[in-house]
Amino acid sequence: MDKKVITIVIPTYNRRERLLRQLESLQIQGQVNSYYLVVLDNCSDYDVNKAICEHGFKDEFYSNIEIVSRPLNTRMGYNLAGTLLYAKTKWLWLVSDDDISVNDSITNVVSYALNYPDASLIKFQFTYRNTFSDIHIHSIKDLEAIYHKHYFTPGDLFYLGNNLINTAKLQDYLGDAFEHSSHLIPFVMPALHQLVDGNAEIIFSDKHVQIYVPNKSGDTWMAIPTILKFAELFDIRWGNPEYTQRLFRIVCNHFMVTEVVRMLLSEKNESYRRYAYHRLKETIFNRPQSFKERMFWTSYFFEDRLHIPIFSRIHPWLKNKIR
């Protein structure tokens, strides 16, 4: 009888060394009989199958790996959404190829899957921050409270490795992942939609299961096209428009005005820059702002429209540190 509890899916693209490092961190924990492991390659420039085969993993671990290679690159969002199709168990643990699994992560993930069979989504802490008892939420109001009390930060919603997804419970909502795959967080969209509908139970755990190791060359996560994709979240209408707007403000609160201002100032295309400015002001930053945030937007206006480099003079170090 198959006793495997979870399916670990690792979406990957052109991250050979980091992928192998992640696989090593999973291998060292053993417990191969408790999970399936799928590597979903988004048409990398190297042979992922060969790299894993030649790395020297133990036979028991290697034989448990299924490698799925896409014949063409589907872009990040769709590849992330596609992970939901490869769950061989009702529970799917998404693991990023640029993280490292902590030593007891499989034990913790399997334990939560067994102890909370009716949960829609279980979110673990991405970095060590707080110690608290498991928090069960069933509404947008509950979700707001989580972030208001700083148990979690909104940025945790973007990470792959802290999501344990009950694909069986979310069966009727899985299509949301593909419908909203341009938003780059499709893996949480089914649970968020179910939460808006009032049918979900999301559990927040203080357990820490992944460590993020930044890429030395830097990732373009905060590039303008990326943040504009998150702005598209505000065009979605699920149930009560007020609830969905509150939900998406939680999601997008990860973005800082200072980051956006320096991105805008680095954009050379004037019409595109101004479109992005208005779009972001109407969506992600359409909320009561602090004095500091208003100051940054004002300094951006003077620098962009009147060519008075107030922002650059106040923060000259930002000008040379565009991500």
Protein backbone atom coordinates (compact mmCIF):
# COMPACT_ATOMS: atom_id res chain seq x y z
CA MET A 1 0.00 0.00 0.00
CA ASP A 2 1.30 3.46 -0.96
CA LYS A 3 1.97 5.42 2.24
CA LYS A 4 3.41 8.53 0.64
CA VAL A 5 1.78 11.64 2.06
CA ILE A 6 3.03 14.58 0.01
CA THR A 7 4.27 15.39 -3.47
CA ILE A 8 7.24 17.73 -3.63
CA VAL A 9 7.32 19.68 -6.90
CA ILE A 10 10.30 21.85 -7.84
CA PRO A 11 9.76 24.16 -10.84
CA THR A 12 13.10 25.12 -12.35
CA TYR A 13 14.69 27.07 -15.17
CA ASN A 14 18.42 27.51 -15.81
CA ARG A 15 19.49 27.15 -12.20
CA ARG A 16 21.65 24.06 -12.39
CA GLU A 17 23.84 24.53 -9.32
CA ARG A 18 21.06 25.87 -7.14
CA LEU A 19 18.69 23.07 -8.16
CA LEU A 20 21.30 20.44 -7.27
CA ARG A 21 21.92 22.20 -3.96
CA GLN A 22 18.20 22.07 -3.16
CA LEU A 23 18.01 18.38 -4.05
CA GLU A 24 20.97 17.67 -1.78
CA SER A 25 19.20 19.38 1.11
CA LEU A 26 16.20 17.11 0.56
CA GLN A 27 18.27 13.94 0.15
CA ILE A 28 20.09 14.39 3.45
CA GLN A 29 16.78 14.18 5.33
CA GLY A 30 15.91 10.67 4.14
CA GLN A 31 12.22 9.69 4.51
CA VAL A 32 11.98 8.91 0.79
CA ASN A 33 9.00 6.63 1.45
CA SER A 34 6.91 9.59 2.64
CA TYR A 35 6.96 11.68 -0.55
CA TYR A 36 7.05 11.79 -4.32
CA LEU A 37 9.48 14.21 -5.96
CA VAL A 38 8.87 15.94 -9.30
CA VAL A 39 11.27 18.37 -11.00
CA LEU A 40 9.39 20.50 -13.53
CA ASP A 41 11.91 21.90 -16.02
CA ASN A 42 10.73 24.92 -18.02
CA CYS A 43 12.95 24.13 -21.04
CA SER A 44 16.31 25.00 -19.51
CA ASP A 45 19.37 25.56 -21.68
CA TYR A 46 21.09 22.53 -20.17
CA ASP A 47 20.07 18.88 -19.80
CA VAL A 48 18.44 18.77 -16.37
CA ASN A 49 18.02 14.99 -16.49
CA LYS A 50 21.71 14.45 -17.23
CA ALA A 51 22.82 16.93 -14.55
CA ILE A 52 20.79 15.15 -11.88
CA CYS A 53 21.83 11.70 -13.10
CA GLU A 54 25.55 12.55 -13.02
CA HIS A 55 25.51 14.39 -9.70
CA GLY A 56 25.91 11.25 -7.64
CA PHE A 57 22.69 11.13 -5.63
CA LYS A 58 22.00 7.95 -3.69
CA ASP A 59 20.05 5.34 -5.67
CA GLU A 60 17.08 5.41 -3.29
CA PHE A 61 16.74 9.18 -3.63
CA TYR A 62 17.48 9.36 -7.36
CA SER A 63 14.97 6.64 -8.23
CA ASN A 64 12.27 8.71 -6.49
CA ILE A 65 12.78 11.72 -8.79
CA GLU A 66 10.52 12.24 -11.78
CA ILE A 67 11.84 14.81 -14.23
CA VAL A 68 9.29 16.52 -16.48
CA SER A 69 10.84 18.64 -19.24
CA ARG A 70 8.68 21.10 -21.15
CA PRO A 71 9.40 21.18 -24.91
CA LEU A 72 9.23 24.98 -24.86
CA ASN A 73 9.48 27.71 -22.26
CA THR A 74 6.07 28.70 -20.91
CA ARG A 75 7.33 31.65 -18.85
CA MET A 76 7.47 31.61 -15.10
CA GLY A 77 3.82 32.15 -14.18
CA TYR A 78 2.45 29.29 -16.27
CA ASN A 79 5.20 26.94 -15.13
CA LEU A 80 4.33 27.74 -11.51
CA ALA A 81 0.64 27.15 -12.19
CA GLY A 82 1.50 23.88 -13.90
CA THR A 83 3.00 22.48 -10.72
CA LEU A 84 -0.55 21.83 -9.48
CA LEU A 85 -1.04 19.23 -12.23
CA TYR A 86 1.71 16.96 -10.92
CA ALA A 87 0.43 16.23 -7.44
CA LYS A 88 0.39 12.45 -6.97
CA THR A 89 -1.08 12.91 -3.50
CA LYS A 90 -3.68 15.36 -2.27
CA TRP A 91 -0.96 17.42 -0.61
CA LEU A 92 1.50 19.34 -2.77
CA TRP A 93 4.57 21.03 -1.30
CA LEU A 94 6.06 23.59 -3.66
CA VAL A 95 9.82 23.96 -3.34
CA SER A 96 11.87 26.61 -5.12
CA ASP A 97 15.08 25.73 -6.96
CA ASP A 98 16.91 28.64 -5.31
CA ASP A 99 16.13 27.72 -1.69
CA ILE A 100 17.58 25.17 0.71
CA SER A 101 15.35 22.88 2.78
CA VAL A 102 16.12 22.92 6.50
CA ASN A 103 17.00 19.62 8.14
CA ASP A 104 13.59 18.83 9.64
CA SER A 105 11.46 20.34 6.90
CA ILE A 106 10.09 17.07 5.48
CA THR A 107 9.18 15.87 8.96
CA ASN A 108 7.28 19.09 9.66
CA VAL A 109 5.52 19.22 6.30
CA VAL A 110 4.38 15.59 6.48
CA SER A 111 3.22 16.07 10.06
CA TYR A 112 1.05 19.05 9.12
CA ALA A 113 -0.42 17.21 6.15
CA LEU A 114 -1.47 14.35 8.43
CA ASN A 115 -2.71 16.53 11.29
CA TYR A 116 -4.79 18.97 9.21
CA PRO A 117 -6.45 16.92 6.47
CA ASP A 118 -9.23 19.48 5.88
CA ALA A 119 -7.07 22.59 5.48
CA SER A 120 -6.93 24.24 2.05
CA LEU A 121 -3.46 25.70 2.46
CA ILE A 122 -0.77 25.59 5.13
CA LYS A 123 1.77 28.40 5.13
CA PHE A 124 5.05 28.03 6.97
CA GLN A 125 7.32 30.90 7.94
CA PHE A 126 9.87 31.70 5.29
CA THR A 127 12.41 33.15 7.68
CA TYR A 128 12.70 32.97 11.44
CA ARG A 129 10.56 35.73 12.89
CA ASN A 130 7.99 34.73 15.47
CA THR A 131 6.98 31.86 17.70
CA PHE A 132 3.27 31.24 17.98
CA SER A 133 0.66 28.47 18.03
CA ASP A 134 -0.90 27.45 14.73
CA ILE A 135 -3.34 30.09 13.50
CA HIS A 136 -6.48 28.99 11.63
CA ILE A 137 -8.18 31.54 9.41
CA HIS A 138 -11.44 31.37 7.45
CA SER A 139 -11.97 34.90 6.12
CA ILE A 140 -10.30 37.95 4.61
CA LYS A 141 -10.68 39.68 7.96
CA ASP A 142 -8.69 36.88 9.59
CA LEU A 143 -6.02 37.19 6.90
CA GLU A 144 -5.69 40.93 7.47
CA ALA A 145 -5.23 40.30 11.18
CA ILE A 146 -2.32 37.94 10.51
CA TYR A 147 -0.37 40.65 8.72
CA HIS A 148 -1.57 43.46 10.96
CA LYS A 149 -0.14 41.62 13.97
CA HIS A 150 3.09 40.95 12.05
CA TYR A 151 3.05 37.19 12.48
CA PHE A 152 3.89 37.12 8.78
CA THR A 153 4.96 39.78 6.28
CA PRO A 154 3.09 40.23 2.97
CA GLY A 155 6.23 39.17 1.09
CA ASP A 156 5.79 35.63 2.40
CA LEU A 157 2.91 35.22 -0.05
CA PHE A 158 5.36 35.29 -2.96
CA TYR A 159 7.64 32.46 -1.90
CA LEU A 160 7.17 28.93 -3.15
CA GLY A 161 8.77 26.91 -0.39
CA ASN A 162 6.39 27.85 2.43
CA ASN A 163 3.23 26.57 0.71
CA LEU A 164 1.63 23.18 1.41
CA ILE A 165 -1.40 22.98 -0.87
CA ASN A 166 -4.36 20.61 -0.50
CA THR A 167 -5.15 20.06 -4.18
CA ALA A 168 -8.11 17.83 -3.30
CA LYS A 169 -9.76 20.50 -1.14
CA LEU A 170 -9.08 23.12 -3.82
CA GLN A 171 -10.13 20.95 -6.75
CA ASP A 172 -12.85 23.35 -7.94
CA TYR A 173 -10.48 26.34 -7.74
CA LEU A 174 -7.33 25.00 -9.37
CA GLY A 175 -8.23 26.64 -12.67
CA ASP A 176 -7.59 30.01 -11.01
CA ALA A 177 -3.89 29.24 -11.03
CA PHE A 178 -3.87 29.12 -14.84
CA GLU A 179 -6.35 31.95 -15.33
CA HIS A 180 -4.11 34.23 -13.27
CA SER A 181 -0.73 32.79 -14.23
CA SER A 182 0.46 36.16 -15.53
CA HIS A 183 0.46 37.45 -11.94
CA LEU A 184 3.43 35.29 -10.89
CA ILE A 185 1.78 33.98 -7.71
CA PRO A 186 -0.68 31.53 -9.30
CA PHE A 187 0.04 28.83 -6.72
CA VAL A 188 -1.83 30.77 -3.98
CA MET A 189 -4.70 32.05 -6.16
CA PRO A 190 -6.96 28.97 -5.69
CA ALA A 191 -6.75 29.21 -1.89
CA LEU A 192 -7.24 32.99 -1.91
CA HIS A 193 -10.33 32.67 -4.12
CA GLN A 194 -11.74 29.97 -1.87
CA LEU A 195 -11.04 32.20 1.12
CA VAL A 196 -12.99 35.06 -0.50
CA ASP A 197 -15.88 32.63 -1.05
CA GLY A 198 -15.79 31.69 2.63
CA ASN A 199 -15.03 28.00 2.08
CA ALA A 200 -11.35 27.84 2.95
CA GLU A 201 -9.29 27.10 6.02
CA ILE A 202 -5.76 28.42 5.83
CA ILE A 203 -3.31 27.55 8.59
CA PHE A 204 -0.29 29.68 9.43
CA SER A 205 2.55 27.83 11.15
CA ASP A 206 5.62 29.22 12.87
CA LYS A 207 7.69 26.31 11.54
CA HIS A 208 10.54 27.24 9.21
CA VAL A 209 11.08 24.88 6.28
CA GLN A 210 13.15 26.76 3.69
CA ILE A 211 16.16 29.07 3.55
CA TYR A 212 16.49 31.54 0.69
CA VAL A 213 20.02 32.06 -0.61
CA PRO A 214 20.18 35.19 -2.82
CA ASN A 215 21.68 34.87 -6.26
CA LYS A 216 25.05 36.63 -6.36
CA SER A 217 24.30 38.04 -9.80
CA GLY A 218 20.99 39.42 -8.55
CA ASP A 219 17.45 38.62 -9.65
CA THR A 220 15.12 41.09 -11.39
CA TRP A 221 12.17 40.34 -9.14
CA MET A 222 11.42 44.03 -8.64
CA ALA A 223 11.65 45.08 -12.29
CA ILE A 224 8.80 47.28 -13.53
CA PRO A 225 7.21 44.57 -15.75
CA THR A 226 7.09 42.27 -12.72
CA ILE A 227 5.43 44.75 -10.41
CA LEU A 228 2.94 45.71 -13.13
CA LYS A 229 1.90 42.06 -13.28
CA PHE A 230 0.97 42.29 -9.61
CA ALA A 231 -1.02 45.43 -10.37
CA GLU A 232 -3.23 43.24 -12.60
CA LEU A 233 -4.50 41.58 -9.42
CA PHE A 234 -6.66 44.64 -8.88
CA ASP A 235 -8.62 43.88 -12.06
CA ILE A 236 -9.88 40.58 -10.63
CA ARG A 237 -13.39 40.51 -9.21
CA TRP A 238 -14.11 37.69 -6.78
CA GLY A 239 -17.32 38.05 -4.82
CA ASN A 240 -17.44 41.29 -2.84
CA PRO A 241 -15.21 43.85 -4.64
CA GLU A 242 -14.32 45.43 -1.30
CA TYR A 243 -13.01 42.13 0.03
CA THR A 244 -10.93 41.44 -3.05
CA GLN A 245 -9.40 44.92 -2.97
CA ARG A 246 -8.47 44.43 0.68
CA LEU A 247 -7.00 41.04 -0.14
CA PHE A 248 -4.85 42.32 -2.97
CA ARG A 249 -3.59 45.23 -0.94
CA ILE A 250 -2.28 42.66 1.51
CA VAL A 251 -0.56 40.83 -1.35
CA CYS A 252 0.97 43.95 -2.86
CA ASN A 253 1.96 45.63 0.38
CA HIS A 254 5.29 43.86 -0.07
CA PHE A 255 6.32 46.57 -2.53
CA MET A 256 7.96 49.67 -1.13
CA VAL A 257 7.48 53.12 -2.63
CA THR A 258 11.23 53.72 -2.47
CA GLU A 259 11.90 50.63 -4.61
CA VAL A 260 9.30 51.63 -7.18
CA VAL A 261 10.57 55.20 -7.43
CA ARG A 262 14.11 54.13 -8.18
CA MET A 263 12.83 51.62 -10.77
CA LEU A 264 10.77 54.32 -12.48
CA LEU A 265 13.69 56.74 -12.60
CA SER A 266 15.84 54.09 -14.29
CA GLU A 267 13.30 53.56 -17.09
CA LYS A 268 14.35 55.44 -20.26
CA ASN A 269 11.09 55.08 -22.20
CA GLU A 270 9.10 58.13 -21.13
CA SER A 271 5.62 56.94 -22.19
CA TYR A 272 6.12 53.53 -20.58
CA ARG A 273 7.47 55.14 -17.41
CA ARG A 274 4.45 57.41 -17.08
CA TYR A 275 2.03 54.59 -17.77
CA ALA A 276 3.67 52.51 -15.05
CA TYR A 277 3.58 55.47 -12.65
CA HIS A 278 -0.17 56.01 -13.05
CA ARG A 279 -0.98 52.31 -13.03
CA LEU A 280 0.87 51.68 -9.79
CA LYS A 281 -0.53 54.80 -8.14
CA GLU A 282 -4.08 53.67 -8.98
CA THR A 283 -3.61 50.11 -7.75
CA ILE A 284 -0.84 48.94 -5.44
CA PHE A 285 -0.23 52.32 -3.83
CA ASN A 286 -3.85 53.50 -3.83
CA ARG A 287 -4.10 53.60 -0.05
CA PRO A 288 -3.40 56.03 2.81
CA GLN A 289 0.30 56.76 2.70
CA SER A 290 2.79 57.80 5.31
CA PHE A 291 4.61 61.11 5.17
CA LYS A 292 7.75 59.33 3.93
CA GLU A 293 5.86 57.65 1.08
CA ARG A 294 4.25 60.91 0.00
CA MET A 295 7.67 62.55 0.06
CA PHE A 296 9.10 59.92 -2.30
CA TRP A 297 6.20 60.20 -4.75
CA THR A 298 6.54 64.00 -4.71
CA SER A 299 10.27 63.86 -5.30
CA TYR A 300 9.69 61.46 -8.18
CA PHE A 301 7.24 63.92 -9.75
CA PHE A 302 9.73 66.78 -9.56
CA GLU A 303 12.54 64.67 -10.97
CA ASP A 304 10.52 63.14 -13.79
CA ARG A 305 8.45 66.12 -14.90
CA LEU A 306 10.51 69.16 -13.92
CA HIS A 307 13.95 67.51 -14.14
CA ILE A 308 14.84 68.65 -10.64
CA PRO A 309 16.87 65.76 -9.14
CA ILE A 310 15.42 65.97 -5.63
CA PHE A 311 15.15 62.21 -5.18
CA SER A 312 18.66 61.55 -6.50
CA ARG A 313 20.16 64.22 -4.29
CA ILE A 314 18.42 62.98 -1.17
CA HIS A 315 19.39 59.37 -1.85
CA PRO A 316 22.36 59.40 -4.28
CA TRP A 317 23.23 55.82 -3.37
CA LEU A 318 19.93 54.57 -4.81
CA LYS A 319 20.81 55.80 -8.29
CA ASN A 320 23.57 53.20 -8.68
CA LYS A 321 21.75 50.33 -7.04
CA ILE A 322 18.91 49.64 -9.44
CA ARG A 323 17.94 45.96 -9.22
